[in-house]
Amino acid sequence: MRRARSSDSANKAPAAPSPPPDELARFGLSAREREVLSLVSAGRSNGEIGRALFISTKTASVHVSNILAKLGVSGRVEAAGVAHRLGIYGPLAR
């Protein structure tokens, strides 16, 4: 039977650092706004976003306007740039 040596615990690797907080959380986007942002970053129009998410074109437009305001950007291209910089694109964006 092997006895545990006190140095065994000292030789363990340090715990991995906790993951960074969600950078997008600081903008206060809702889950739906994140979905819409993902589609905006894929170059989708309001009509295409509406069809993809089963919402009206007008509702998609309102979401896009709210996203632009929350991100502090003046247009869809800038919003897409923020999304890509923060890694917000995925299955919906394809």
PDB file of N, CA and C in Angstrom:
ATOM      1  N   MET A   1       0.836  -1.182   0.000  1.00  0.00           N
ATOM      2  CA  MET A   1       0.000   0.000   0.000  1.00  0.00           C
ATOM      3  C   MET A   1       0.877   1.241   0.000  1.00  0.00           C
ATOM      4  N   ARG A   2       0.591   2.129  -0.928  1.00  0.00           N
ATOM      5  CA  ARG A   2       1.397   3.329  -1.081  1.00  0.00           C
ATOM      6  C   ARG A   2       0.837   4.457  -0.236  1.00  0.00           C
ATOM      7  N   ARG A   3       1.711   5.114   0.445  1.00  0.00           N
ATOM      8  CA  ARG A   3       1.301   6.258   1.249  1.00  0.00           C
ATOM      9  C   ARG A   3       1.381   7.518   0.403  1.00  0.00           C
ATOM     10  N   ALA A   4       0.391   8.355   0.546  1.00  0.00           N
ATOM     11  CA  ALA A   4       0.395   9.636  -0.166  1.00  0.00           C
ATOM     12  C   ALA A   4       1.420  10.547   0.465  1.00  0.00           C
ATOM     13  N   ARG A   5       2.244  11.104  -0.374  1.00  0.00           N
ATOM     14  CA  ARG A   5       3.243  12.037   0.129  1.00  0.00           C
ATOM     15  C   ARG A   5       2.686  13.445   0.062  1.00  0.00           C
ATOM     16  N   SER A   6       3.099  14.254   0.965  1.00  0.00           N
ATOM     17  CA  SER A   6       2.588  15.622   0.981  1.00  0.00           C
ATOM     18  C   SER A   6       2.985  16.385  -0.270  1.00  0.00           C
ATOM     19  N   SER A   7       4.046  15.981  -0.930  1.00  0.00           N
ATOM     20  CA  SER A   7       4.469  16.692  -2.131  1.00  0.00           C
ATOM     21  C   SER A   7       3.595  16.341  -3.335  1.00  0.00           C
ATOM     22  N   ASP A   8       2.777  15.232  -3.250  1.00  0.00           N
ATOM     23  CA  ASP A   8       1.902  14.872  -4.373  1.00  0.00           C
ATOM     24  C   ASP A   8       0.938  15.997  -4.708  1.00  0.00           C
ATOM     25  N   SER A   9       0.352  16.599  -3.711  1.00  0.00           N
ATOM     26  CA  SER A   9      -0.598  17.674  -3.971  1.00  0.00           C
ATOM     27  C   SER A   9       0.112  18.923  -4.484  1.00  0.00           C
ATOM     28  N   ALA A  10       1.351  19.119  -4.115  1.00  0.00           N
ATOM     29  CA  ALA A  10       2.104  20.277  -4.573  1.00  0.00           C
ATOM     30  C   ALA A  10       2.493  20.148  -6.045  1.00  0.00           C
ATOM     31  N   ASN A  11       2.562  18.911  -6.548  1.00  0.00           N
ATOM     32  CA  ASN A  11       2.970  18.684  -7.929  1.00  0.00           C
ATOM     33  C   ASN A  11       1.810  18.762  -8.909  1.00  0.00           C
ATOM     34  N   LYS A  12       0.586  18.886  -8.433  1.00  0.00           N
ATOM     35  CA  LYS A  12      -0.562  18.967  -9.322  1.00  0.00           C
ATOM     36  C   LYS A  12      -0.551  20.291 -10.068  1.00  0.00           C
ATOM     37  N   ALA A  13      -1.029  20.248 -11.304  1.00  0.00           N
ATOM     38  CA  ALA A  13      -1.112  21.466 -12.097  1.00  0.00           C
ATOM     39  C   ALA A  13      -2.146  22.405 -11.489  1.00  0.00           C
ATOM     40  N   PRO A  14      -1.915  23.697 -11.579  1.00  0.00           N
ATOM     41  CA  PRO A  14      -2.907  24.633 -11.037  1.00  0.00           C
ATOM     42  C   PRO A  14      -4.213  24.520 -11.815  1.00  0.00           C
ATOM     43  N   ALA A  15      -5.270  24.867 -11.145  1.00  0.00           N
ATOM     44  CA  ALA A  15      -6.593  24.810 -11.786  1.00  0.00           C
ATOM     45  C   ALA A  15      -6.616  25.758 -12.978  1.00  0.00           C
ATOM     46  N   ALA A  16      -7.314  25.339 -14.017  1.00  0.00           N
ATOM     47  CA  ALA A  16      -7.433  26.179 -15.202  1.00  0.00           C
ATOM     48  C   ALA A  16      -8.192  27.453 -14.849  1.00  0.00           C
ATOM     49  N   PRO A  17      -7.796  28.567 -15.439  1.00  0.00           N
ATOM     50  CA  PRO A  17      -8.511  29.806 -15.136  1.00  0.00           C
ATOM     51  C   PRO A  17      -9.954  29.712 -15.624  1.00  0.00           C
ATOM     52  N   SER A  18     -10.813  30.392 -14.915  1.00  0.00           N
ATOM     53  CA  SER A  18     -12.220  30.369 -15.325  1.00  0.00           C
ATOM     54  C   SER A  18     -12.348  31.096 -16.659  1.00  0.00           C
ATOM     55  N   PRO A  19     -13.311  30.667 -17.484  1.00  0.00           N
ATOM     56  CA  PRO A  19     -13.463  31.313 -18.784  1.00  0.00           C
ATOM     57  C   PRO A  19     -13.839  32.776 -18.626  1.00  0.00           C
ATOM     58  N   PRO A  20     -13.444  33.600 -19.596  1.00  0.00           N
ATOM     59  CA  PRO A  20     -13.780  35.023 -19.480  1.00  0.00           C
ATOM     60  C   PRO A  20     -15.284  35.209 -19.534  1.00  0.00           C
ATOM     61  N   PRO A  21     -15.796  36.238 -18.890  1.00  0.00           N
ATOM     62  CA  PRO A  21     -17.239  36.481 -18.932  1.00  0.00           C
ATOM     63  C   PRO A  21     -17.683  36.755 -20.364  1.00  0.00           C
ATOM     64  N   ASP A  22     -18.915  36.475 -20.643  1.00  0.00           N
ATOM     65  CA  ASP A  22     -19.465  36.692 -21.971  1.00  0.00           C
ATOM     66  C   ASP A  22     -19.318  38.169 -22.325  1.00  0.00           C
ATOM     67  N   GLU A  23     -18.480  38.452 -23.294  1.00  0.00           N
ATOM     68  CA  GLU A  23     -18.223  39.849 -23.666  1.00  0.00           C
ATOM     69  C   GLU A  23     -19.473  40.529 -24.198  1.00  0.00           C
ATOM     70  N   LEU A  24     -20.337  39.768 -24.833  1.00  0.00           N
ATOM     71  CA  LEU A  24     -21.546  40.358 -25.396  1.00  0.00           C
ATOM     72  C   LEU A  24     -22.549  40.737 -24.308  1.00  0.00           C
ATOM     73  N   ALA A  25     -22.426  40.140 -23.128  1.00  0.00           N
ATOM     74  CA  ALA A  25     -23.356  40.430 -22.033  1.00  0.00           C
ATOM     75  C   ALA A  25     -23.324  41.909 -21.649  1.00  0.00           C
ATOM     76  N   ARG A  26     -22.190  42.544 -21.833  1.00  0.00           N
ATOM     77  CA  ARG A  26     -22.086  43.965 -21.453  1.00  0.00           C
ATOM     78  C   ARG A  26     -22.968  44.868 -22.305  1.00  0.00           C
ATOM     79  N   PHE A  27     -23.384  44.357 -23.476  1.00  0.00           N
ATOM     80  CA  PHE A  27     -24.266  45.135 -24.339  1.00  0.00           C
ATOM     81  C   PHE A  27     -25.737  44.941 -23.994  1.00  0.00           C
ATOM     82  N   GLY A  28     -26.062  43.931 -23.201  1.00  0.00           N
ATOM     83  CA  GLY A  28     -27.438  43.712 -22.775  1.00  0.00           C
ATOM     84  C   GLY A  28     -28.358  43.174 -23.851  1.00  0.00           C
ATOM     85  N   LEU A  29     -27.815  42.409 -24.789  1.00  0.00           N
ATOM     86  CA  LEU A  29     -28.661  41.836 -25.835  1.00  0.00           C
ATOM     87  C   LEU A  29     -29.458  40.646 -25.300  1.00  0.00           C
ATOM     88  N   SER A  30     -30.715  40.584 -25.697  1.00  0.00           N
ATOM     89  CA  SER A  30     -31.547  39.435 -25.326  1.00  0.00           C
ATOM     90  C   SER A  30     -31.147  38.243 -26.181  1.00  0.00           C
ATOM     91  N   ALA A  31     -31.648  37.064 -25.832  1.00  0.00           N
ATOM     92  CA  ALA A  31     -31.366  35.858 -26.614  1.00  0.00           C
ATOM     93  C   ALA A  31     -31.858  36.025 -28.049  1.00  0.00           C
ATOM     94  N   ARG A  32     -33.016  36.613 -28.237  1.00  0.00           N
ATOM     95  CA  ARG A  32     -33.554  36.809 -29.583  1.00  0.00           C
ATOM     96  C   ARG A  32     -32.686  37.802 -30.354  1.00  0.00           C
ATOM     97  N   GLU A  33     -32.231  38.857 -29.684  1.00  0.00           N
ATOM     98  CA  GLU A  33     -31.371  39.827 -30.354  1.00  0.00           C
ATOM     99  C   GLU A  33     -30.050  39.193 -30.783  1.00  0.00           C
ATOM    100  N   ARG A  34     -29.558  38.263 -29.995  1.00  0.00           N
ATOM    101  CA  ARG A  34     -28.343  37.538 -30.381  1.00  0.00           C
ATOM    102  C   ARG A  34     -28.589  36.697 -31.631  1.00  0.00           C
ATOM    103  N   GLU A  35     -29.765  36.070 -31.701  1.00  0.00           N
ATOM    104  CA  GLU A  35     -30.119  35.303 -32.895  1.00  0.00           C
ATOM    105  C   GLU A  35     -30.167  36.220 -34.113  1.00  0.00           C
ATOM    106  N   VAL A  36     -30.812  37.358 -33.936  1.00  0.00           N
ATOM    107  CA  VAL A  36     -30.938  38.309 -35.041  1.00  0.00           C
ATOM    108  C   VAL A  36     -29.553  38.822 -35.434  1.00  0.00           C
ATOM    109  N   LEU A  37     -28.715  39.134 -34.469  1.00  0.00           N
ATOM    110  CA  LEU A  37     -27.362  39.612 -34.755  1.00  0.00           C
ATOM    111  C   LEU A  37     -26.573  38.564 -35.535  1.00  0.00           C
ATOM    112  N   SER A  38     -26.758  37.310 -35.183  1.00  0.00           N
ATOM    113  CA  SER A  38     -26.090  36.240 -35.908  1.00  0.00           C
ATOM    114  C   SER A  38     -26.494  36.248 -37.378  1.00  0.00           C
ATOM    115  N   LEU A  39     -27.767  36.459 -37.626  1.00  0.00           N
ATOM    116  CA  LEU A  39     -28.257  36.502 -39.007  1.00  0.00           C
ATOM    117  C   LEU A  39     -27.826  37.780 -39.724  1.00  0.00           C
ATOM    118  N   VAL A  40     -27.792  38.892 -39.004  1.00  0.00           N
ATOM    119  CA  VAL A  40     -27.296  40.144 -39.582  1.00  0.00           C
ATOM    120  C   VAL A  40     -25.845  39.950 -40.009  1.00  0.00           C
ATOM    121  N   SER A  41     -25.067  39.294 -39.170  1.00  0.00           N
ATOM    122  CA  SER A  41     -23.650  39.093 -39.488  1.00  0.00           C
ATOM    123  C   SER A  41     -23.457  38.174 -40.688  1.00  0.00           C
ATOM    124  N   ALA A  42     -24.494  37.402 -41.022  1.00  0.00           N
ATOM    125  CA  ALA A  42     -24.445  36.540 -42.206  1.00  0.00           C
ATOM    126  C   ALA A  42     -24.937  37.286 -43.444  1.00  0.00           C
ATOM    127  N   GLY A  43     -25.301  38.562 -43.280  1.00  0.00           N
ATOM    128  CA  GLY A  43     -25.731  39.371 -44.410  1.00  0.00           C
ATOM    129  C   GLY A  43     -27.195  39.216 -44.779  1.00  0.00           C
ATOM    130  N   ARG A  44     -27.997  38.699 -43.845  1.00  0.00           N
ATOM    131  CA  ARG A  44     -29.420  38.496 -44.135  1.00  0.00           C
ATOM    132  C   ARG A  44     -30.193  39.795 -44.050  1.00  0.00           C
ATOM    133  N   SER A  45     -31.200  39.934 -44.893  1.00  0.00           N
ATOM    134  CA  SER A  45     -32.086  41.101 -44.866  1.00  0.00           C
ATOM    135  C   SER A  45     -33.124  40.916 -43.756  1.00  0.00           C
ATOM    136  N   ASN A  46     -33.867  41.981 -43.456  1.00  0.00           N
ATOM    137  CA  ASN A  46     -34.922  41.873 -42.442  1.00  0.00           C
ATOM    138  C   ASN A  46     -35.960  40.818 -42.837  1.00  0.00           C
ATOM    139  N   GLY A  47     -36.308  40.771 -44.107  1.00  0.00           N
ATOM    140  CA  GLY A  47     -37.260  39.768 -44.577  1.00  0.00           C
ATOM    141  C   GLY A  47     -36.742  38.344 -44.378  1.00  0.00           C
ATOM    142  N   GLU A  48     -35.475  38.140 -44.697  1.00  0.00           N
ATOM    143  CA  GLU A  48     -34.867  36.813 -44.511  1.00  0.00           C
ATOM    144  C   GLU A  48     -34.774  36.446 -43.042  1.00  0.00           C
ATOM    145  N   ILE A  49     -34.447  37.432 -42.209  1.00  0.00           N
ATOM    146  CA  ILE A  49     -34.392  37.196 -40.759  1.00  0.00           C
ATOM    147  C   ILE A  49     -35.777  36.820 -40.257  1.00  0.00           C
ATOM    148  N   GLY A  50     -36.787  37.561 -40.699  1.00  0.00           N
ATOM    149  CA  GLY A  50     -38.160  37.265 -40.286  1.00  0.00           C
ATOM    150  C   GLY A  50     -38.573  35.852 -40.654  1.00  0.00           C
ATOM    151  N   ARG A  51     -38.298  35.443 -41.876  1.00  0.00           N
ATOM    152  CA  ARG A  51     -38.661  34.087 -42.309  1.00  0.00           C
ATOM    153  C   ARG A  51     -37.891  33.020 -41.529  1.00  0.00           C
ATOM    154  N   ALA A  52     -36.617  33.273 -41.263  1.00  0.00           N
ATOM    155  CA  ALA A  52     -35.799  32.298 -40.540  1.00  0.00           C
ATOM    156  C   ALA A  52     -36.268  32.113 -39.104  1.00  0.00           C
ATOM    157  N   LEU A  53     -36.747  33.206 -38.489  1.00  0.00           N
ATOM    158  CA  LEU A  53     -37.127  33.168 -37.072  1.00  0.00           C
ATOM    159  C   LEU A  53     -38.645  33.144 -36.851  1.00  0.00           C
ATOM    160  N   PHE A  54     -39.395  33.070 -37.949  1.00  0.00           N
ATOM    161  CA  PHE A  54     -40.863  33.028 -37.865  1.00  0.00           C
ATOM    162  C   PHE A  54     -41.433  34.254 -37.165  1.00  0.00           C
ATOM    163  N   ILE A  55     -40.896  35.422 -37.558  1.00  0.00           N
ATOM    164  CA  ILE A  55     -41.396  36.698 -37.063  1.00  0.00           C
ATOM    165  C   ILE A  55     -41.644  37.586 -38.286  1.00  0.00           C
ATOM    166  N   SER A  56     -42.360  38.676 -38.089  1.00  0.00           N
ATOM    167  CA  SER A  56     -42.628  39.571 -39.210  1.00  0.00           C
ATOM    168  C   SER A  56     -41.367  40.349 -39.574  1.00  0.00           C
ATOM    169  N   THR A  57     -41.365  40.863 -40.784  1.00  0.00           N
ATOM    170  CA  THR A  57     -40.260  41.708 -41.237  1.00  0.00           C
ATOM    171  C   THR A  57     -40.127  42.928 -40.343  1.00  0.00           C
ATOM    172  N   LYS A  58     -41.261  43.503 -39.949  1.00  0.00           N
ATOM    173  CA  LYS A  58     -41.249  44.685 -39.075  1.00  0.00           C
ATOM    174  C   LYS A  58     -40.618  44.350 -37.723  1.00  0.00           C
ATOM    175  N   THR A  59     -40.961  43.195 -37.160  1.00  0.00           N
ATOM    176  CA  THR A  59     -40.379  42.789 -35.883  1.00  0.00           C
ATOM    177  C   THR A  59     -38.875  42.601 -36.030  1.00  0.00           C
ATOM    178  N   ALA A  60     -38.452  42.000 -37.130  1.00  0.00           N
ATOM    179  CA  ALA A  60     -37.016  41.842 -37.387  1.00  0.00           C
ATOM    180  C   ALA A  60     -36.344  43.208 -37.450  1.00  0.00           C
ATOM    181  N   SER A  61     -37.011  44.162 -38.116  1.00  0.00           N
ATOM    182  CA  SER A  61     -36.477  45.514 -38.234  1.00  0.00           C
ATOM    183  C   SER A  61     -36.320  46.164 -36.856  1.00  0.00           C
ATOM    184  N   VAL A  62     -37.312  45.982 -36.006  1.00  0.00           N
ATOM    185  CA  VAL A  62     -37.241  46.547 -34.651  1.00  0.00           C
ATOM    186  C   VAL A  62     -36.085  45.924 -33.876  1.00  0.00           C
ATOM    187  N   HIS A  63     -35.928  44.611 -33.991  1.00  0.00           N
ATOM    188  CA  HIS A  63     -34.797  43.951 -33.327  1.00  0.00           C
ATOM    189  C   HIS A  63     -33.471  44.518 -33.826  1.00  0.00           C
ATOM    190  N   VAL A  64     -33.335  44.682 -35.136  1.00  0.00           N
ATOM    191  CA  VAL A  64     -32.090  45.212 -35.698  1.00  0.00           C
ATOM    192  C   VAL A  64     -31.838  46.627 -35.171  1.00  0.00           C
ATOM    193  N   SER A  65     -32.862  47.454 -35.139  1.00  0.00           N
ATOM    194  CA  SER A  65     -32.700  48.813 -34.608  1.00  0.00           C
ATOM    195  C   SER A  65     -32.254  48.799 -33.154  1.00  0.00           C
ATOM    196  N   ASN A  66     -32.858  47.929 -32.360  1.00  0.00           N
ATOM    197  CA  ASN A  66     -32.467  47.817 -30.944  1.00  0.00           C
ATOM    198  C   ASN A  66     -31.029  47.338 -30.805  1.00  0.00           C
ATOM    199  N   ILE A  67     -30.627  46.399 -31.641  1.00  0.00           N
ATOM    200  CA  ILE A  67     -29.258  45.885 -31.612  1.00  0.00           C
ATOM    201  C   ILE A  67     -28.267  46.997 -31.942  1.00  0.00           C
ATOM    202  N   LEU A  68     -28.562  47.764 -32.992  1.00  0.00           N
ATOM    203  CA  LEU A  68     -27.667  48.852 -33.373  1.00  0.00           C
ATOM    204  C   LEU A  68     -27.503  49.848 -32.231  1.00  0.00           C
ATOM    205  N   ALA A  69     -28.608  50.171 -31.578  1.00  0.00           N
ATOM    206  CA  ALA A  69     -28.554  51.115 -30.455  1.00  0.00           C
ATOM    207  C   ALA A  69     -27.744  50.539 -29.292  1.00  0.00           C
ATOM    208  N   LYS A  70     -27.983  49.273 -28.962  1.00  0.00           N
ATOM    209  CA  LYS A  70     -27.275  48.659 -27.828  1.00  0.00           C
ATOM    210  C   LYS A  70     -25.781  48.508 -28.092  1.00  0.00           C
ATOM    211  N   LEU A  71     -25.423  48.221 -29.347  1.00  0.00           N
ATOM    212  CA  LEU A  71     -24.004  48.076 -29.691  1.00  0.00           C
ATOM    213  C   LEU A  71     -23.318  49.416 -29.897  1.00  0.00           C
ATOM    214  N   GLY A  72     -24.139  50.474 -30.081  1.00  0.00           N
ATOM    215  CA  GLY A  72     -23.577  51.801 -30.304  1.00  0.00           C
ATOM    216  C   GLY A  72     -22.945  51.937 -31.679  1.00  0.00           C
ATOM    217  N   VAL A  73     -23.548  51.283 -32.660  1.00  0.00           N
ATOM    218  CA  VAL A  73     -23.044  51.340 -34.028  1.00  0.00           C
ATOM    219  C   VAL A  73     -24.090  52.002 -34.917  1.00  0.00           C
ATOM    220  N   SER A  74     -23.654  52.439 -36.103  1.00  0.00           N
ATOM    221  CA  SER A  74     -24.581  53.176 -36.961  1.00  0.00           C
ATOM    222  C   SER A  74     -25.181  52.340 -38.081  1.00  0.00           C
ATOM    223  N   GLY A  75     -24.729  51.112 -38.246  1.00  0.00           N
ATOM    224  CA  GLY A  75     -25.280  50.314 -39.332  1.00  0.00           C
ATOM    225  C   GLY A  75     -25.038  48.833 -39.169  1.00  0.00           C
ATOM    226  N   ARG A  76     -25.638  48.087 -40.086  1.00  0.00           N
ATOM    227  CA  ARG A  76     -25.576  46.629 -40.058  1.00  0.00           C
ATOM    228  C   ARG A  76     -24.146  46.110 -40.235  1.00  0.00           C
ATOM    229  N   VAL A  77     -23.369  46.788 -41.079  1.00  0.00           N
ATOM    230  CA  VAL A  77     -21.995  46.337 -41.324  1.00  0.00           C
ATOM    231  C   VAL A  77     -21.166  46.450 -40.050  1.00  0.00           C
ATOM    232  N   GLU A  78     -21.321  47.558 -39.346  1.00  0.00           N
ATOM    233  CA  GLU A  78     -20.604  47.723 -38.077  1.00  0.00           C
ATOM    234  C   GLU A  78     -21.068  46.682 -37.059  1.00  0.00           C
ATOM    235  N   ALA A  79     -22.367  46.436 -37.010  1.00  0.00           N
ATOM    236  CA  ALA A  79     -22.894  45.421 -36.084  1.00  0.00           C
ATOM    237  C   ALA A  79     -22.316  44.049 -36.418  1.00  0.00           C
ATOM    238  N   ALA A  80     -22.228  43.739 -37.709  1.00  0.00           N
ATOM    239  CA  ALA A  80     -21.644  42.465 -38.126  1.00  0.00           C
ATOM    240  C   ALA A  80     -20.179  42.392 -37.717  1.00  0.00           C
ATOM    241  N   GLY A  81     -19.479  43.511 -37.816  1.00  0.00           N
ATOM    242  CA  GLY A  81     -18.080  43.547 -37.387  1.00  0.00           C
ATOM    243  C   GLY A  81     -17.936  43.247 -35.902  1.00  0.00           C
ATOM    244  N   VAL A  82     -18.797  43.838 -35.087  1.00  0.00           N
ATOM    245  CA  VAL A  82     -18.786  43.567 -33.644  1.00  0.00           C
ATOM    246  C   VAL A  82     -19.091  42.084 -33.404  1.00  0.00           C
ATOM    247  N   ALA A  83     -20.085  41.561 -34.104  1.00  0.00           N
ATOM    248  CA  ALA A  83     -20.464  40.154 -33.938  1.00  0.00           C
ATOM    249  C   ALA A  83     -19.299  39.230 -34.269  1.00  0.00           C
ATOM    250  N   HIS A  84     -18.636  39.498 -35.364  1.00  0.00           N
ATOM    251  CA  HIS A  84     -17.510  38.652 -35.748  1.00  0.00           C
ATOM    252  C   HIS A  84     -16.347  38.790 -34.782  1.00  0.00           C
ATOM    253  N   ARG A  85     -16.082  40.011 -34.328  1.00  0.00           N
ATOM    254  CA  ARG A  85     -14.996  40.221 -33.372  1.00  0.00           C
ATOM    255  C   ARG A  85     -15.240  39.454 -32.082  1.00  0.00           C
ATOM    256  N   LEU A  86     -16.512  39.374 -31.660  1.00  0.00           N
ATOM    257  CA  LEU A  86     -16.854  38.687 -30.420  1.00  0.00           C
ATOM    258  C   LEU A  86     -17.232  37.220 -30.633  1.00  0.00           C
ATOM    259  N   GLY A  87     -17.163  36.758 -31.869  1.00  0.00           N
ATOM    260  CA  GLY A  87     -17.455  35.346 -32.136  1.00  0.00           C
ATOM    261  C   GLY A  87     -18.922  35.020 -32.166  1.00  0.00           C
ATOM    262  N   ILE A  88     -19.756  35.996 -32.473  1.00  0.00           N
ATOM    263  CA  ILE A  88     -21.199  35.761 -32.510  1.00  0.00           C
ATOM    264  C   ILE A  88     -21.625  35.489 -33.939  1.00  0.00           C
ATOM    265  N   TYR A  89     -21.467  34.279 -34.322  1.00  0.00           N
ATOM    266  CA  TYR A  89     -21.973  33.776 -35.590  1.00  0.00           C
ATOM    267  C   TYR A  89     -21.954  32.271 -35.443  1.00  0.00           C
ATOM    268  N   GLY A  90     -22.889  31.612 -36.023  1.00  0.00           N
ATOM    269  CA  GLY A  90     -22.991  30.178 -35.831  1.00  0.00           C
ATOM    270  C   GLY A  90     -23.959  29.535 -36.789  1.00  0.00           C
ATOM    271  N   PRO A  91     -24.630  28.482 -36.337  1.00  0.00           N
ATOM    272  CA  PRO A  91     -25.514  27.725 -37.218  1.00  0.00           C
ATOM    273  C   PRO A  91     -26.571  28.588 -37.875  1.00  0.00           C
ATOM    274  N   LEU A  92     -27.094  29.562 -37.173  1.00  0.00           N
ATOM    275  CA  LEU A  92     -28.118  30.417 -37.767  1.00  0.00           C
ATOM    276  C   LEU A  92     -27.539  31.297 -38.853  1.00  0.00           C
ATOM    277  N   ALA A  93     -26.288  31.627 -38.741  1.00  0.00           N
ATOM    278  CA  ALA A  93     -25.659  32.536 -39.685  1.00  0.00           C
ATOM    279  C   ALA A  93     -25.344  31.850 -41.009  1.00  0.00           C
ATOM    280  N   ARG A  94     -25.358  30.560 -41.038  1.00  0.00           N
ATOM    281  CA  ARG A  94     -24.994  29.840 -42.261  1.00  0.00           C
ATOM    282  C   ARG A  94     -26.102  29.813 -43.247  1.00  0.00           C
TER     283      ARG A  94
END
